[in-house]
C-alpha atoms as a PDB file:
ATOM      1  CA  UNK A   1      63.975 120.476 129.906  1.00  0.00           C
ATOM      2  CA  UNK A   2      63.953 117.648 127.402  1.00  0.00           C
ATOM      3  CA  UNK A   3      67.614 118.235 126.584  1.00  0.00           C
ATOM      4  CA  UNK A   4      68.509 118.413 130.277  1.00  0.00           C
ATOM      5  CA  UNK A   5      66.629 115.175 130.918  1.00  0.00           C
ATOM      6  CA  UNK A   6      68.344 113.422 127.996  1.00  0.00           C
ATOM      7  CA  UNK A   7      71.795 114.517 129.174  1.00  0.00           C
ATOM      8  CA  UNK A   8      71.011 113.509 132.737  1.00  0.00           C
ATOM      9  CA  UNK A   9      69.762 110.063 131.701  1.00  0.00           C
ATOM     10  CA  UNK A  10      72.811 109.524 129.490  1.00  0.00           C
ATOM     11  CA  UNK A  11      75.254 110.506 132.242  1.00  0.00           C
ATOM     12  CA  UNK A  12      73.419 108.384 134.818  1.00  0.00           C
ATOM     13  CA  UNK A  13      73.855 105.327 132.569  1.00  0.00           C
ATOM     14  CA  UNK A  14      77.510 106.178 131.813  1.00  0.00           C
ATOM     15  CA  UNK A  15      78.363 106.482 135.505  1.00  0.00           C
ATOM     16  CA  UNK A  16      76.709 103.232 136.646  1.00  0.00           C
ATOM     17  CA  UNK A  17      78.894 100.705 138.404  1.00  0.00           C
ATOM     18  CA  UNK A  18      78.696  96.914 138.009  1.00  0.00           C
ATOM     19  CA  UNK A  19      75.795  96.723 140.464  1.00  0.00           C
ATOM     20  CA  UNK A  20      73.748  99.198 138.438  1.00  0.00           C
ATOM     21  CA  UNK A  21      74.097 102.079 140.909  1.00  0.00           C
ATOM     22  CA  UNK A  22      74.850 105.604 139.776  1.00  0.00           C
ATOM     23  CA  UNK A  23      75.961 108.642 141.791  1.00  0.00           C
ATOM     24  CA  UNK A  24      73.408 110.718 139.880  1.00  0.00           C
ATOM     25  CA  UNK A  25      69.948 110.553 141.444  1.00  0.00           C
ATOM     26  CA  UNK A  26      66.834 109.628 139.495  1.00  0.00           C
ATOM     27  CA  UNK A  27      64.472 112.383 138.481  1.00  0.00           C
ATOM     28  CA  UNK A  28      61.817 112.639 141.199  1.00  0.00           C
ATOM     29  CA  UNK A  29      59.153 113.248 138.584  1.00  0.00           C
ATOM     30  CA  UNK A  30      59.901 110.139 136.502  1.00  0.00           C
ATOM     31  CA  UNK A  31      56.880 108.164 137.729  1.00  0.00           C
ATOM     32  CA  UNK A  32      54.498 111.117 137.181  1.00  0.00           C
ATOM     33  CA  UNK A  33      55.853 111.579 133.679  1.00  0.00           C
ATOM     34  CA  UNK A  34      54.976 108.076 132.653  1.00  0.00           C
ATOM     35  CA  UNK A  35      51.617 107.876 134.392  1.00  0.00           C
ATOM     36  CA  UNK A  36      50.218 111.343 133.566  1.00  0.00           C
ATOM     37  CA  UNK A  37      51.895 112.135 130.245  1.00  0.00           C
ATOM     38  CA  UNK A  38      53.754 115.069 131.800  1.00  0.00           C
ATOM     39  CA  UNK A  39      55.151 116.440 128.532  1.00  0.00           C
ATOM     40  CA  UNK A  40      52.849 118.238 126.113  1.00  0.00           C
ATOM     41  CA  UNK A  41      52.852 116.741 122.670  1.00  0.00           C
ATOM     42  CA  UNK A  42      53.468 119.068 119.743  1.00  0.00           C
ATOM     43  CA  UNK A  43      51.627 118.155 116.599  1.00  0.00           C
ATOM     44  CA  UNK A  44      53.710 117.813 113.487  1.00  0.00           C
ATOM     45  CA  UNK A  45      53.455 120.654 111.019  1.00  0.00           C
ATOM     46  CA  UNK A  46      51.787 119.766 107.752  1.00  0.00           C
ATOM     47  CA  UNK A  47      51.811 123.061 105.863  1.00  0.00           C
ATOM     48  CA  UNK A  48      54.621 125.145 104.468  1.00  0.00           C
ATOM     49  CA  UNK A  49      55.354 127.741 101.831  1.00  0.00           C
ATOM     50  CA  UNK A  50      56.691 126.076  98.721  1.00  0.00           C
ATOM     51  CA  UNK A  51      60.036 127.465  97.515  1.00  0.00           C
ATOM     52  CA  UNK A  52      58.562 128.796  94.269  1.00  0.00           C
ATOM     53  CA  UNK A  53      56.082 130.951  96.243  1.00  0.00           C
ATOM     54  CA  UNK A  54      58.553 132.221  98.817  1.00  0.00           C
ATOM     55  CA  UNK A  55      59.515 135.358  96.878  1.00  0.00           C
ATOM     56  CA  UNK A  56      55.836 136.284  96.383  1.00  0.00           C
ATOM     57  CA  UNK A  57      55.082 135.690 100.064  1.00  0.00           C
ATOM     58  CA  UNK A  58      58.003 137.842 101.175  1.00  0.00           C
ATOM     59  CA  UNK A  59      56.935 140.612  98.804  1.00  0.00           C
ATOM     60  CA  UNK A  60      53.388 140.465 100.164  1.00  0.00           C
ATOM     61  CA  UNK A  61      54.663 140.950 103.715  1.00  0.00           C
ATOM     62  CA  UNK A  62      56.713 143.927 102.562  1.00  0.00           C
ATOM     63  CA  UNK A  63      53.595 145.476 100.945  1.00  0.00           C
ATOM     64  CA  UNK A  64      51.500 145.213 104.108  1.00  0.00           C
ATOM     65  CA  UNK A  65      51.333 148.994 104.721  1.00  0.00           C
ATOM     66  CA  UNK A  66      48.816 149.446 101.907  1.00  0.00           C
ATOM     67  CA  UNK A  67      46.702 146.425 102.832  1.00  0.00           C
ATOM     68  CA  UNK A  68      46.836 146.065 106.619  1.00  0.00           C
ATOM     69  CA  UNK A  69      45.064 148.270 109.152  1.00  0.00           C
ATOM     70  CA  UNK A  70      46.971 147.351 112.314  1.00  0.00           C
ATOM     71  CA  UNK A  71      50.544 147.934 113.447  1.00  0.00           C
ATOM     72  CA  UNK A  72      52.170 147.285 110.083  1.00  0.00           C
ATOM     73  CA  UNK A  73      55.805 147.055 111.206  1.00  0.00           C
ATOM     74  CA  UNK A  74      55.021 144.604 113.990  1.00  0.00           C
ATOM     75  CA  UNK A  75      52.864 142.401 111.751  1.00  0.00           C
ATOM     76  CA  UNK A  76      55.496 142.315 108.981  1.00  0.00           C
ATOM     77  CA  UNK A  77      58.316 141.563 111.427  1.00  0.00           C
ATOM     78  CA  UNK A  78      56.228 138.890 113.172  1.00  0.00           C
ATOM     79  CA  UNK A  79      55.420 137.057 109.935  1.00  0.00           C
ATOM     80  CA  UNK A  80      59.009 137.223 108.701  1.00  0.00           C
ATOM     81  CA  UNK A  81      60.341 136.073 112.108  1.00  0.00           C
ATOM     82  CA  UNK A  82      58.120 133.006 112.006  1.00  0.00           C
ATOM     83  CA  UNK A  83      59.250 132.178 108.481  1.00  0.00           C
ATOM     84  CA  UNK A  84      62.976 132.643 109.111  1.00  0.00           C
ATOM     85  CA  UNK A  85      63.164 131.080 112.576  1.00  0.00           C
ATOM     86  CA  UNK A  86      60.712 128.191 112.239  1.00  0.00           C
ATOM     87  CA  UNK A  87      58.977 129.203 115.458  1.00  0.00           C
ATOM     88  CA  UNK A  88      55.346 128.350 115.973  1.00  0.00           C
ATOM     89  CA  UNK A  89      52.896 131.248 116.245  1.00  0.00           C
ATOM     90  CA  UNK A  90      52.391 130.646 119.967  1.00  0.00           C
ATOM     91  CA  UNK A  91      56.152 130.585 120.577  1.00  0.00           C
ATOM     92  CA  UNK A  92      56.793 133.777 118.606  1.00  0.00           C
ATOM     93  CA  UNK A  93      54.081 135.746 120.394  1.00  0.00           C
ATOM     94  CA  UNK A  94      55.534 134.865 123.797  1.00  0.00           C
ATOM     95  CA  UNK A  95      58.971 136.324 123.039  1.00  0.00           C
ATOM     96  CA  UNK A  96      59.861 139.471 124.940  1.00  0.00           C
END
């Protein structure tokens, strides 16, 4: 939605005539956005795996079968997906 909003705002400004009118309508939610903080703020990530530890971390996820008592394949794939994609935990768990 943020990308759609940015494109819409850009095109509205590009299409304005001399009087400041645009054929693209304003977003009906614009006022609510500003007054109620409509968008959720994501906090900036502060932790990461340092490059020199990446090989050890990957190896540890591959060795999960001997150390983990849940669904080993799902846990390993989940951890590696998060690392490779940059998804947040909440985002990765909501994928179908």
